[in-house]
Amino acid sequence: MRASSLVAVLLFLNGCVSFYTSYSKTTDKFISAKSESCDFKIQTTLPDPKQFEEIGVVNGCSVVNDINDYKNGIRDKVCKASGDLVVGQIYSNGVYCIGTVFSMIK
């Protein structure tokens, strides 16, 4: 069995696909973190600037083209940043790699 096949089988059996993520803040505003299990939306179009403001960027490519895996993989960074919405960039192979994090304007 080739190494790549073995890795795919192990990931499948594990039932969880993880990937490395990093977060870069793009605002000087202090925003309190949300709980680690917070909920947020993911979309591929920019939100209304009257309702949302950009607060950061999360980097990290999902291994598969499943939005739920991507959401779970970036959840800790988005929740710590107090994000309400992520605008994800989908690469040609169907995976999400960069997400701009937005907070709802209150």
PDB file of N, CA and C in Angstrom:
ATOM      1  N   MET A   1       0.852  -1.179   0.000  1.00  0.00           N
ATOM      2  CA  MET A   1       0.000   0.000   0.000  1.00  0.00           C
ATOM      3  C   MET A   1       0.894   1.237   0.000  1.00  0.00           C
ATOM      4  N   ARG A   2       0.599   2.170  -0.865  1.00  0.00           N
ATOM      5  CA  ARG A   2       1.383   3.400  -0.930  1.00  0.00           C
ATOM      6  C   ARG A   2       1.116   4.250   0.305  1.00  0.00           C
ATOM      7  N   ALA A   3       2.098   5.084   0.622  1.00  0.00           N
ATOM      8  CA  ALA A   3       1.995   5.919   1.829  1.00  0.00           C
ATOM      9  C   ALA A   3       0.790   6.845   1.769  1.00  0.00           C
ATOM     10  N   SER A   4       0.517   7.441   0.596  1.00  0.00           N
ATOM     11  CA  SER A   4      -0.614   8.367   0.484  1.00  0.00           C
ATOM     12  C   SER A   4      -1.939   7.645   0.691  1.00  0.00           C
ATOM     13  N   SER A   5      -2.022   6.399   0.218  1.00  0.00           N
ATOM     14  CA  SER A   5      -3.244   5.616   0.429  1.00  0.00           C
ATOM     15  C   SER A   5      -3.430   5.296   1.906  1.00  0.00           C
ATOM     16  N   LEU A   6      -2.334   4.982   2.562  1.00  0.00           N
ATOM     17  CA  LEU A   6      -2.388   4.677   3.992  1.00  0.00           C
ATOM     18  C   LEU A   6      -2.852   5.894   4.791  1.00  0.00           C
ATOM     19  N   VAL A   7      -2.333   7.063   4.452  1.00  0.00           N
ATOM     20  CA  VAL A   7      -2.741   8.290   5.135  1.00  0.00           C
ATOM     21  C   VAL A   7      -4.228   8.542   4.918  1.00  0.00           C
ATOM     22  N   ALA A   8      -4.698   8.370   3.697  1.00  0.00           N
ATOM     23  CA  ALA A   8      -6.121   8.584   3.406  1.00  0.00           C
ATOM     24  C   ALA A   8      -6.998   7.629   4.214  1.00  0.00           C
ATOM     25  N   VAL A   9      -6.589   6.376   4.297  1.00  0.00           N
ATOM     26  CA  VAL A   9      -7.351   5.389   5.066  1.00  0.00           C
ATOM     27  C   VAL A   9      -7.360   5.755   6.543  1.00  0.00           C
ATOM     28  N   LEU A  10      -6.210   6.161   7.082  1.00  0.00           N
ATOM     29  CA  LEU A  10      -6.140   6.535   8.495  1.00  0.00           C
ATOM     30  C   LEU A  10      -7.014   7.741   8.790  1.00  0.00           C
ATOM     31  N   LEU A  11      -7.015   8.739   7.898  1.00  0.00           N
ATOM     32  CA  LEU A  11      -7.873   9.906   8.097  1.00  0.00           C
ATOM     33  C   LEU A  11      -9.348   9.513   8.051  1.00  0.00           C
ATOM     34  N   PHE A  12      -9.680   8.625   7.121  1.00  0.00           N
ATOM     35  CA  PHE A  12     -11.063   8.171   7.017  1.00  0.00           C
ATOM     36  C   PHE A  12     -11.490   7.440   8.282  1.00  0.00           C
ATOM     37  N   LEU A  13     -10.634   6.542   8.756  1.00  0.00           N
ATOM     38  CA  LEU A  13     -10.962   5.785   9.954  1.00  0.00           C
ATOM     39  C   LEU A  13     -11.031   6.670  11.185  1.00  0.00           C
ATOM     40  N   ASN A  14     -10.212   7.698  11.219  1.00  0.00           N
ATOM     41  CA  ASN A  14     -10.210   8.621  12.344  1.00  0.00           C
ATOM     42  C   ASN A  14     -11.498   9.440  12.382  1.00  0.00           C
ATOM     43  N   GLY A  15     -12.069   9.702  11.202  1.00  0.00           N
ATOM     44  CA  GLY A  15     -13.313  10.463  11.132  1.00  0.00           C
ATOM     45  C   GLY A  15     -13.132  11.952  11.329  1.00  0.00           C
ATOM     46  N   CYS A  16     -11.911  12.404  11.380  1.00  0.00           N
ATOM     47  CA  CYS A  16     -11.648  13.817  11.614  1.00  0.00           C
ATOM     48  C   CYS A  16     -10.458  14.238  10.768  1.00  0.00           C
ATOM     49  N   VAL A  17     -10.633  15.286  10.020  1.00  0.00           N
ATOM     50  CA  VAL A  17      -9.546  15.809   9.212  1.00  0.00           C
ATOM     51  C   VAL A  17      -9.098  17.116   9.847  1.00  0.00           C
ATOM     52  N   SER A  18      -7.839  17.192  10.239  1.00  0.00           N
ATOM     53  CA  SER A  18      -7.352  18.417  10.858  1.00  0.00           C
ATOM     54  C   SER A  18      -6.285  19.046   9.972  1.00  0.00           C
ATOM     55  N   PHE A  19      -6.060  20.327  10.185  1.00  0.00           N
ATOM     56  CA  PHE A  19      -5.052  21.037   9.428  1.00  0.00           C
ATOM     57  C   PHE A  19      -4.561  22.217  10.251  1.00  0.00           C
ATOM     58  N   TYR A  20      -3.367  22.676   9.935  1.00  0.00           N
ATOM     59  CA  TYR A  20      -2.767  23.789  10.663  1.00  0.00           C
ATOM     60  C   TYR A  20      -3.438  25.089  10.253  1.00  0.00           C
ATOM     61  N   THR A  21      -3.737  25.942  11.229  1.00  0.00           N
ATOM     62  CA  THR A  21      -4.300  27.261  10.938  1.00  0.00           C
ATOM     63  C   THR A  21      -3.539  28.328  11.705  1.00  0.00           C
ATOM     64  N   SER A  22      -3.552  29.523  11.157  1.00  0.00           N
ATOM     65  CA  SER A  22      -2.985  30.676  11.852  1.00  0.00           C
ATOM     66  C   SER A  22      -3.964  31.828  11.700  1.00  0.00           C
ATOM     67  N   TYR A  23      -3.865  32.794  12.588  1.00  0.00           N
ATOM     68  CA  TYR A  23      -4.776  33.940  12.564  1.00  0.00           C
ATOM     69  C   TYR A  23      -3.972  35.226  12.642  1.00  0.00           C
ATOM     70  N   SER A  24      -4.353  36.184  11.811  1.00  0.00           N
ATOM     71  CA  SER A  24      -3.734  37.515  11.825  1.00  0.00           C
ATOM     72  C   SER A  24      -4.827  38.555  12.036  1.00  0.00           C
ATOM     73  N   LYS A  25      -4.658  39.354  13.056  1.00  0.00           N
ATOM     74  CA  LYS A  25      -5.612  40.420  13.373  1.00  0.00           C
ATOM     75  C   LYS A  25      -5.425  41.567  12.376  1.00  0.00           C
ATOM     76  N   THR A  26      -6.525  42.144  11.902  1.00  0.00           N
ATOM     77  CA  THR A  26      -6.448  43.264  10.960  1.00  0.00           C
ATOM     78  C   THR A  26      -7.096  44.532  11.510  1.00  0.00           C
ATOM     79  N   THR A  27      -7.351  44.556  12.795  1.00  0.00           N
ATOM     80  CA  THR A  27      -7.931  45.736  13.424  1.00  0.00           C
ATOM     81  C   THR A  27      -7.237  45.982  14.762  1.00  0.00           C
ATOM     82  N   ASP A  28      -7.276  47.234  15.205  1.00  0.00           N
ATOM     83  CA  ASP A  28      -6.708  47.570  16.507  1.00  0.00           C
ATOM     84  C   ASP A  28      -7.752  47.522  17.613  1.00  0.00           C
ATOM     85  N   LYS A  29      -9.006  47.293  17.239  1.00  0.00           N
ATOM     86  CA  LYS A  29     -10.078  47.251  18.225  1.00  0.00           C
ATOM     87  C   LYS A  29      -9.932  46.037  19.132  1.00  0.00           C
ATOM     88  N   PHE A  30     -10.276  46.226  20.414  1.00  0.00           N
ATOM     89  CA  PHE A  30     -10.321  45.097  21.339  1.00  0.00           C
ATOM     90  C   PHE A  30     -11.720  44.492  21.264  1.00  0.00           C
ATOM     91  N   ILE A  31     -11.762  43.205  20.993  1.00  0.00           N
ATOM     92  CA  ILE A  31     -13.034  42.487  20.932  1.00  0.00           C
ATOM     93  C   ILE A  31     -12.900  41.257  21.824  1.00  0.00           C
ATOM     94  N   SER A  32     -13.797  41.091  22.770  1.00  0.00           N
ATOM     95  CA  SER A  32     -13.755  39.938  23.680  1.00  0.00           C
ATOM     96  C   SER A  32     -13.974  38.643  22.916  1.00  0.00           C
ATOM     97  N   ALA A  33     -13.253  37.612  23.311  1.00  0.00           N
ATOM     98  CA  ALA A  33     -13.389  36.298  22.683  1.00  0.00           C
ATOM     99  C   ALA A  33     -14.752  35.693  22.991  1.00  0.00           C
ATOM    100  N   LYS A  34     -15.219  34.863  22.075  1.00  0.00           N
ATOM    101  CA  LYS A  34     -16.442  34.097  22.286  1.00  0.00           C
ATOM    102  C   LYS A  34     -16.066  32.732  22.848  1.00  0.00           C
ATOM    103  N   SER A  35     -17.061  31.959  23.210  1.00  0.00           N
ATOM    104  CA  SER A  35     -16.794  30.606  23.702  1.00  0.00           C
ATOM    105  C   SER A  35     -16.157  29.768  22.589  1.00  0.00           C
ATOM    106  N   GLU A  36     -15.426  28.738  22.984  1.00  0.00           N
ATOM    107  CA  GLU A  36     -14.716  27.899  22.021  1.00  0.00           C
ATOM    108  C   GLU A  36     -15.648  27.174  21.058  1.00  0.00           C
ATOM    109  N   SER A  37     -16.898  27.038  21.414  1.00  0.00           N
ATOM    110  CA  SER A  37     -17.847  26.330  20.555  1.00  0.00           C
ATOM    111  C   SER A  37     -18.824  27.295  19.873  1.00  0.00           C
ATOM    112  N   CYS A  38     -18.407  28.529  19.674  1.00  0.00           N
ATOM    113  CA  CYS A  38     -19.303  29.537  19.090  1.00  0.00           C
ATOM    114  C   CYS A  38     -19.732  29.123  17.680  1.00  0.00           C
ATOM    115  N   ASP A  39     -20.798  29.713  17.229  1.00  0.00           N
ATOM    116  CA  ASP A  39     -21.270  29.458  15.878  1.00  0.00           C
ATOM    117  C   ASP A  39     -21.003  30.695  15.029  1.00  0.00           C
ATOM    118  N   PHE A  40     -20.690  30.472  13.777  1.00  0.00           N
ATOM    119  CA  PHE A  40     -20.466  31.558  12.832  1.00  0.00           C
ATOM    120  C   PHE A  40     -20.835  31.063  11.451  1.00  0.00           C
ATOM    121  N   LYS A  41     -21.067  31.989  10.545  1.00  0.00           N
ATOM    122  CA  LYS A  41     -21.438  31.640   9.183  1.00  0.00           C
ATOM    123  C   LYS A  41     -20.202  31.646   8.288  1.00  0.00           C
ATOM    124  N   ILE A  42     -20.263  30.865   7.225  1.00  0.00           N
ATOM    125  CA  ILE A  42     -19.232  30.882   6.188  1.00  0.00           C
ATOM    126  C   ILE A  42     -19.932  31.147   4.863  1.00  0.00           C
ATOM    127  N   GLN A  43     -19.366  32.076   4.099  1.00  0.00           N
ATOM    128  CA  GLN A  43     -19.877  32.360   2.766  1.00  0.00           C
ATOM    129  C   GLN A  43     -18.710  32.731   1.870  1.00  0.00           C
ATOM    130  N   THR A  44     -18.979  32.883   0.583  1.00  0.00           N
ATOM    131  CA  THR A  44     -17.899  33.193  -0.359  1.00  0.00           C
ATOM    132  C   THR A  44     -18.020  34.586  -0.969  1.00  0.00           C
ATOM    133  N   THR A  45     -18.984  35.355  -0.512  1.00  0.00           N
ATOM    134  CA  THR A  45     -19.136  36.735  -0.995  1.00  0.00           C
ATOM    135  C   THR A  45     -18.983  37.695   0.175  1.00  0.00           C
ATOM    136  N   LEU A  46     -18.538  38.895  -0.120  1.00  0.00           N
ATOM    137  CA  LEU A  46     -18.343  39.900   0.928  1.00  0.00           C
ATOM    138  C   LEU A  46     -19.677  40.322   1.526  1.00  0.00           C
ATOM    139  N   PRO A  47     -19.697  40.561   2.830  1.00  0.00           N
ATOM    140  CA  PRO A  47     -20.936  40.981   3.488  1.00  0.00           C
ATOM    141  C   PRO A  47     -21.176  42.485   3.303  1.00  0.00           C
ATOM    142  N   ASP A  48     -22.333  42.913   3.707  1.00  0.00           N
ATOM    143  CA  ASP A  48     -22.694  44.332   3.692  1.00  0.00           C
ATOM    144  C   ASP A  48     -21.790  45.077   4.678  1.00  0.00           C
ATOM    145  N   PRO A  49     -21.014  46.062   4.206  1.00  0.00           N
ATOM    146  CA  PRO A  49     -20.104  46.784   5.107  1.00  0.00           C
ATOM    147  C   PRO A  49     -20.818  47.606   6.179  1.00  0.00           C
ATOM    148  N   LYS A  50     -22.118  47.783   6.051  1.00  0.00           N
ATOM    149  CA  LYS A  50     -22.880  48.481   7.082  1.00  0.00           C
ATOM    150  C   LYS A  50     -23.222  47.547   8.235  1.00  0.00           C
ATOM    151  N   GLN A  51     -23.112  46.228   7.991  1.00  0.00           N
ATOM    152  CA  GLN A  51     -23.467  45.249   9.011  1.00  0.00           C
ATOM    153  C   GLN A  51     -22.260  44.528   9.604  1.00  0.00           C
ATOM    154  N   PHE A  52     -21.150  44.438   8.847  1.00  0.00           N
ATOM    155  CA  PHE A  52     -19.978  43.690   9.300  1.00  0.00           C
ATOM    156  C   PHE A  52     -18.701  44.481   9.069  1.00  0.00           C
ATOM    157  N   GLU A  53     -17.721  44.269   9.963  1.00  0.00           N
ATOM    158  CA  GLU A  53     -16.404  44.867   9.780  1.00  0.00           C
ATOM    159  C   GLU A  53     -15.347  43.772   9.849  1.00  0.00           C
ATOM    160  N   GLU A  54     -14.318  43.905   9.028  1.00  0.00           N
ATOM    161  CA  GLU A  54     -13.239  42.929   9.006  1.00  0.00           C
ATOM    162  C   GLU A  54     -12.424  43.040  10.280  1.00  0.00           C
ATOM    163  N   ILE A  55     -12.104  41.875  10.864  1.00  0.00           N
ATOM    164  CA  ILE A  55     -11.291  41.883  12.083  1.00  0.00           C
ATOM    165  C   ILE A  55     -10.031  41.033  11.961  1.00  0.00           C
ATOM    166  N   GLY A  56      -9.963  40.189  10.916  1.00  0.00           N
ATOM    167  CA  GLY A  56      -8.775  39.359  10.783  1.00  0.00           C
ATOM    168  C   GLY A  56      -8.834  38.405   9.615  1.00  0.00           C
ATOM    169  N   VAL A  57      -7.759  37.622   9.498  1.00  0.00           N
ATOM    170  CA  VAL A  57      -7.650  36.620   8.433  1.00  0.00           C
ATOM    171  C   VAL A  57      -7.160  35.316   9.045  1.00  0.00           C
ATOM    172  N   VAL A  58      -7.838  34.237   8.712  1.00  0.00           N
ATOM    173  CA  VAL A  58      -7.403  32.914   9.148  1.00  0.00           C
ATOM    174  C   VAL A  58      -6.838  32.180   7.929  1.00  0.00           C
ATOM    175  N   ASN A  59      -5.639  31.649   8.088  1.00  0.00           N
ATOM    176  CA  ASN A  59      -4.973  30.905   7.015  1.00  0.00           C
ATOM    177  C   ASN A  59      -4.907  29.444   7.390  1.00  0.00           C
ATOM    178  N   GLY A  60      -5.058  28.604   6.419  1.00  0.00           N
ATOM    179  CA  GLY A  60      -4.963  27.160   6.617  1.00  0.00           C
ATOM    180  C   GLY A  60      -5.862  26.460   5.631  1.00  0.00           C
ATOM    181  N   CYS A  61      -5.296  25.571   4.850  1.00  0.00           N
ATOM    182  CA  CYS A  61      -6.072  24.867   3.827  1.00  0.00           C
ATOM    183  C   CYS A  61      -6.703  23.607   4.398  1.00  0.00           C
ATOM    184  N   SER A  62      -7.995  23.480   4.166  1.00  0.00           N
ATOM    185  CA  SER A  62      -8.668  22.247   4.552  1.00  0.00           C
ATOM    186  C   SER A  62      -8.148  21.132   3.652  1.00  0.00           C
ATOM    187  N   VAL A  63      -8.142  19.933   4.158  1.00  0.00           N
ATOM    188  CA  VAL A  63      -7.601  18.806   3.409  1.00  0.00           C
ATOM    189  C   VAL A  63      -8.615  18.292   2.393  1.00  0.00           C
ATOM    190  N   VAL A  64      -9.875  18.428   2.695  1.00  0.00           N
ATOM    191  CA  VAL A  64     -10.944  17.979   1.802  1.00  0.00           C
ATOM    192  C   VAL A  64     -11.865  19.163   1.511  1.00  0.00           C
ATOM    193  N   ASN A  65     -12.694  19.025   0.492  1.00  0.00           N
ATOM    194  CA  ASN A  65     -13.579  20.134   0.130  1.00  0.00           C
ATOM    195  C   ASN A  65     -14.931  20.025   0.814  1.00  0.00           C
ATOM    196  N   ASP A  66     -14.890  19.970   2.125  1.00  0.00           N
ATOM    197  CA  ASP A  66     -16.096  19.876   2.936  1.00  0.00           C
ATOM    198  C   ASP A  66     -16.160  21.104   3.836  1.00  0.00           C
ATOM    199  N   ILE A  67     -17.201  21.893   3.695  1.00  0.00           N
ATOM    200  CA  ILE A  67     -17.318  23.146   4.440  1.00  0.00           C
ATOM    201  C   ILE A  67     -17.380  22.895   5.949  1.00  0.00           C
ATOM    202  N   ASN A  68     -17.974  21.792   6.374  1.00  0.00           N
ATOM    203  CA  ASN A  68     -18.054  21.501   7.811  1.00  0.00           C
ATOM    204  C   ASN A  68     -16.683  21.192   8.399  1.00  0.00           C
ATOM    205  N   ASP A  69     -15.849  20.462   7.641  1.00  0.00           N
ATOM    206  CA  ASP A  69     -14.484  20.203   8.108  1.00  0.00           C
ATOM    207  C   ASP A  69     -13.699  21.508   8.208  1.00  0.00           C
ATOM    208  N   TYR A  70     -13.872  22.375   7.212  1.00  0.00           N
ATOM    209  CA  TYR A  70     -13.193  23.671   7.238  1.00  0.00           C
ATOM    210  C   TYR A  70     -13.658  24.486   8.444  1.00  0.00           C
ATOM    211  N   LYS A  71     -14.953  24.528   8.655  1.00  0.00           N
ATOM    212  CA  LYS A  71     -15.513  25.298   9.771  1.00  0.00           C
ATOM    213  C   LYS A  71     -14.986  24.786  11.108  1.00  0.00           C
ATOM    214  N   ASN A  72     -14.972  23.476  11.279  1.00  0.00           N
ATOM    215  CA  ASN A  72     -14.459  22.902  12.522  1.00  0.00           C
ATOM    216  C   ASN A  72     -12.963  23.149  12.678  1.00  0.00           C
ATOM    217  N   GLY A  73     -12.233  23.170  11.571  1.00  0.00           N
ATOM    218  CA  GLY A  73     -10.793  23.387  11.617  1.00  0.00           C
ATOM    219  C   GLY A  73     -10.387  24.807  11.977  1.00  0.00           C
ATOM    220  N   ILE A  74     -11.245  25.779  11.668  1.00  0.00           N
ATOM    221  CA  ILE A  74     -10.915  27.179  11.964  1.00  0.00           C
ATOM    222  C   ILE A  74     -11.686  27.718  13.162  1.00  0.00           C
ATOM    223  N   ARG A  75     -12.583  26.930  13.704  1.00  0.00           N
ATOM    224  CA  ARG A  75     -13.475  27.391  14.786  1.00  0.00           C
ATOM    225  C   ARG A  75     -12.716  28.036  15.949  1.00  0.00           C
ATOM    226  N   ASP A  76     -11.634  27.416  16.422  1.00  0.00           N
ATOM    227  CA  ASP A  76     -10.931  27.968  17.584  1.00  0.00           C
ATOM    228  C   ASP A  76     -10.397  29.365  17.304  1.00  0.00           C
ATOM    229  N   LYS A  77      -9.853  29.588  16.118  1.00  0.00           N
ATOM    230  CA  LYS A  77      -9.307  30.910  15.777  1.00  0.00           C
ATOM    231  C   LYS A  77     -10.427  31.946  15.626  1.00  0.00           C
ATOM    232  N   VAL A  78     -11.500  31.556  14.955  1.00  0.00           N
ATOM    233  CA  VAL A  78     -12.615  32.478  14.710  1.00  0.00           C
ATOM    234  C   VAL A  78     -13.306  32.844  16.022  1.00  0.00           C
ATOM    235  N   CYS A  79     -13.514  31.875  16.899  1.00  0.00           N
ATOM    236  CA  CYS A  79     -14.184  32.142  18.179  1.00  0.00           C
ATOM    237  C   CYS A  79     -13.318  33.010  19.095  1.00  0.00           C
ATOM    238  N   LYS A  80     -12.012  32.748  19.131  1.00  0.00           N
ATOM    239  CA  LYS A  80     -11.117  33.586  19.938  1.00  0.00           C
ATOM    240  C   LYS A  80     -11.109  35.021  19.431  1.00  0.00           C
ATOM    241  N   ALA A  81     -11.281  35.189  18.111  1.00  0.00           N
ATOM    242  CA  ALA A  81     -11.308  36.530  17.526  1.00  0.00           C
ATOM    243  C   ALA A  81     -12.673  37.190  17.631  1.00  0.00           C
ATOM    244  N   SER A  82     -13.669  36.443  18.090  1.00  0.00           N
ATOM    245  CA  SER A  82     -15.051  36.896  18.204  1.00  0.00           C
ATOM    246  C   SER A  82     -15.689  37.128  16.832  1.00  0.00           C
ATOM    247  N   GLY A  83     -15.364  36.249  15.903  1.00  0.00           N
ATOM    248  CA  GLY A  83     -15.914  36.364  14.558  1.00  0.00           C
ATOM    249  C   GLY A  83     -17.349  35.889  14.460  1.00  0.00           C
ATOM    250  N   ASP A  84     -18.093  36.543  13.583  1.00  0.00           N
ATOM    251  CA  ASP A  84     -19.478  36.161  13.316  1.00  0.00           C
ATOM    252  C   ASP A  84     -19.640  35.584  11.916  1.00  0.00           C
ATOM    253  N   LEU A  85     -18.659  35.872  11.045  1.00  0.00           N
ATOM    254  CA  LEU A  85     -18.764  35.488   9.644  1.00  0.00           C
ATOM    255  C   LEU A  85     -17.364  35.307   9.079  1.00  0.00           C
ATOM    256  N   VAL A  86     -17.194  34.292   8.250  1.00  0.00           N
ATOM    257  CA  VAL A  86     -15.936  34.083   7.534  1.00  0.00           C
ATOM    258  C   VAL A  86     -16.251  34.048   6.049  1.00  0.00           C
ATOM    259  N   VAL A  87     -15.539  34.865   5.297  1.00  0.00           N
ATOM    260  CA  VAL A  87     -15.642  34.818   3.837  1.00  0.00           C
ATOM    261  C   VAL A  87     -14.473  33.974   3.358  1.00  0.00           C
ATOM    262  N   GLY A  88     -14.794  32.758   2.927  1.00  0.00           N
ATOM    263  CA  GLY A  88     -13.765  31.802   2.532  1.00  0.00           C
ATOM    264  C   GLY A  88     -13.420  31.889   1.067  1.00  0.00           C
ATOM    265  N   GLN A  89     -12.153  31.656   0.778  1.00  0.00           N
ATOM    266  CA  GLN A  89     -11.689  31.566  -0.609  1.00  0.00           C
ATOM    267  C   GLN A  89     -11.529  30.095  -0.947  1.00  0.00           C
ATOM    268  N   ILE A  90     -12.189  29.676  -2.001  1.00  0.00           N
ATOM    269  CA  ILE A  90     -12.119  28.281  -2.427  1.00  0.00           C
ATOM    270  C   ILE A  90     -11.127  28.190  -3.579  1.00  0.00           C
ATOM    271  N   TYR A  91     -10.145  27.324  -3.445  1.00  0.00           N
ATOM    272  CA  TYR A  91      -9.150  27.121  -4.496  1.00  0.00           C
ATOM    273  C   TYR A  91      -9.725  26.216  -5.584  1.00  0.00           C
ATOM    274  N   SER A  92      -9.013  26.118  -6.693  1.00  0.00           N
ATOM    275  CA  SER A  92      -9.502  25.363  -7.851  1.00  0.00           C
ATOM    276  C   SER A  92      -9.742  23.887  -7.546  1.00  0.00           C
ATOM    277  N   ASN A  93      -9.059  23.351  -6.547  1.00  0.00           N
ATOM    278  CA  ASN A  93      -9.274  21.949  -6.184  1.00  0.00           C
ATOM    279  C   ASN A  93     -10.429  21.780  -5.201  1.00  0.00           C
ATOM    280  N   GLY A  94     -11.127  22.871  -4.881  1.00  0.00           N
ATOM    281  CA  GLY A  94     -12.319  22.795  -4.048  1.00  0.00           C
ATOM    282  C   GLY A  94     -12.105  22.938  -2.565  1.00  0.00           C
ATOM    283  N   VAL A  95     -10.858  23.167  -2.125  1.00  0.00           N
ATOM    284  CA  VAL A  95     -10.615  23.309  -0.692  1.00  0.00           C
ATOM    285  C   VAL A  95     -10.565  24.782  -0.303  1.00  0.00           C
ATOM    286  N   TYR A  96     -10.968  25.059   0.924  1.00  0.00           N
ATOM    287  CA  TYR A  96     -10.882  26.405   1.490  1.00  0.00           C
ATOM    288  C   TYR A  96      -9.471  26.605   2.038  1.00  0.00           C
ATOM    289  N   CYS A  97      -8.873  27.773   1.772  1.00  0.00           N
ATOM    290  CA  CYS A  97      -7.514  28.006   2.276  1.00  0.00           C
ATOM    291  C   CYS A  97      -7.379  29.310   3.058  1.00  0.00           C
ATOM    292  N   ILE A  98      -8.074  30.323   2.701  1.00  0.00           N
ATOM    293  CA  ILE A  98      -7.960  31.602   3.396  1.00  0.00           C
ATOM    294  C   ILE A  98      -9.373  32.085   3.714  1.00  0.00           C
ATOM    295  N   GLY A  99      -9.565  32.566   4.926  1.00  0.00           N
ATOM    296  CA  GLY A  99     -10.858  33.101   5.304  1.00  0.00           C
ATOM    297  C   GLY A  99     -10.705  34.465   5.953  1.00  0.00           C
ATOM    298  N   THR A 100     -11.435  35.431   5.454  1.00  0.00           N
ATOM    299  CA  THR A 100     -11.454  36.750   6.076  1.00  0.00           C
ATOM    300  C   THR A 100     -12.540  36.742   7.139  1.00  0.00           C
ATOM    301  N   VAL A 101     -12.157  37.125   8.361  1.00  0.00           N
ATOM    302  CA  VAL A 101     -13.065  37.046   9.505  1.00  0.00           C
ATOM    303  C   VAL A 101     -13.702  38.413   9.738  1.00  0.00           C
ATOM    304  N   PHE A 102     -15.011  38.397   9.912  1.00  0.00           N
ATOM    305  CA  PHE A 102     -15.788  39.618  10.129  1.00  0.00           C
ATOM    306  C   PHE A 102     -16.543  39.529  11.446  1.00  0.00           C
ATOM    307  N   SER A 103     -16.742  40.690  12.057  1.00  0.00           N
ATOM    308  CA  SER A 103     -17.564  40.804  13.253  1.00  0.00           C
ATOM    309  C   SER A 103     -18.767  41.664  12.926  1.00  0.00           C
ATOM    310  N   MET A 104     -19.899  41.304  13.483  1.00  0.00           N
ATOM    311  CA  MET A 104     -21.104  42.090  13.253  1.00  0.00           C
ATOM    312  C   MET A 104     -20.970  43.435  13.962  1.00  0.00           C
ATOM    313  N   ILE A 105     -21.328  44.499  13.272  1.00  0.00           N
ATOM    314  CA  ILE A 105     -21.291  45.836  13.863  1.00  0.00           C
ATOM    315  C   ILE A 105     -22.489  45.965  14.800  1.00  0.00           C
ATOM    316  N   LYS A 106     -22.202  46.363  16.011  1.00  0.00           N
ATOM    317  CA  LYS A 106     -23.270  46.443  17.018  1.00  0.00           C
ATOM    318  C   LYS A 106     -23.736  47.852  17.200  1.00  0.00           C
TER     319      LYS A 106
END
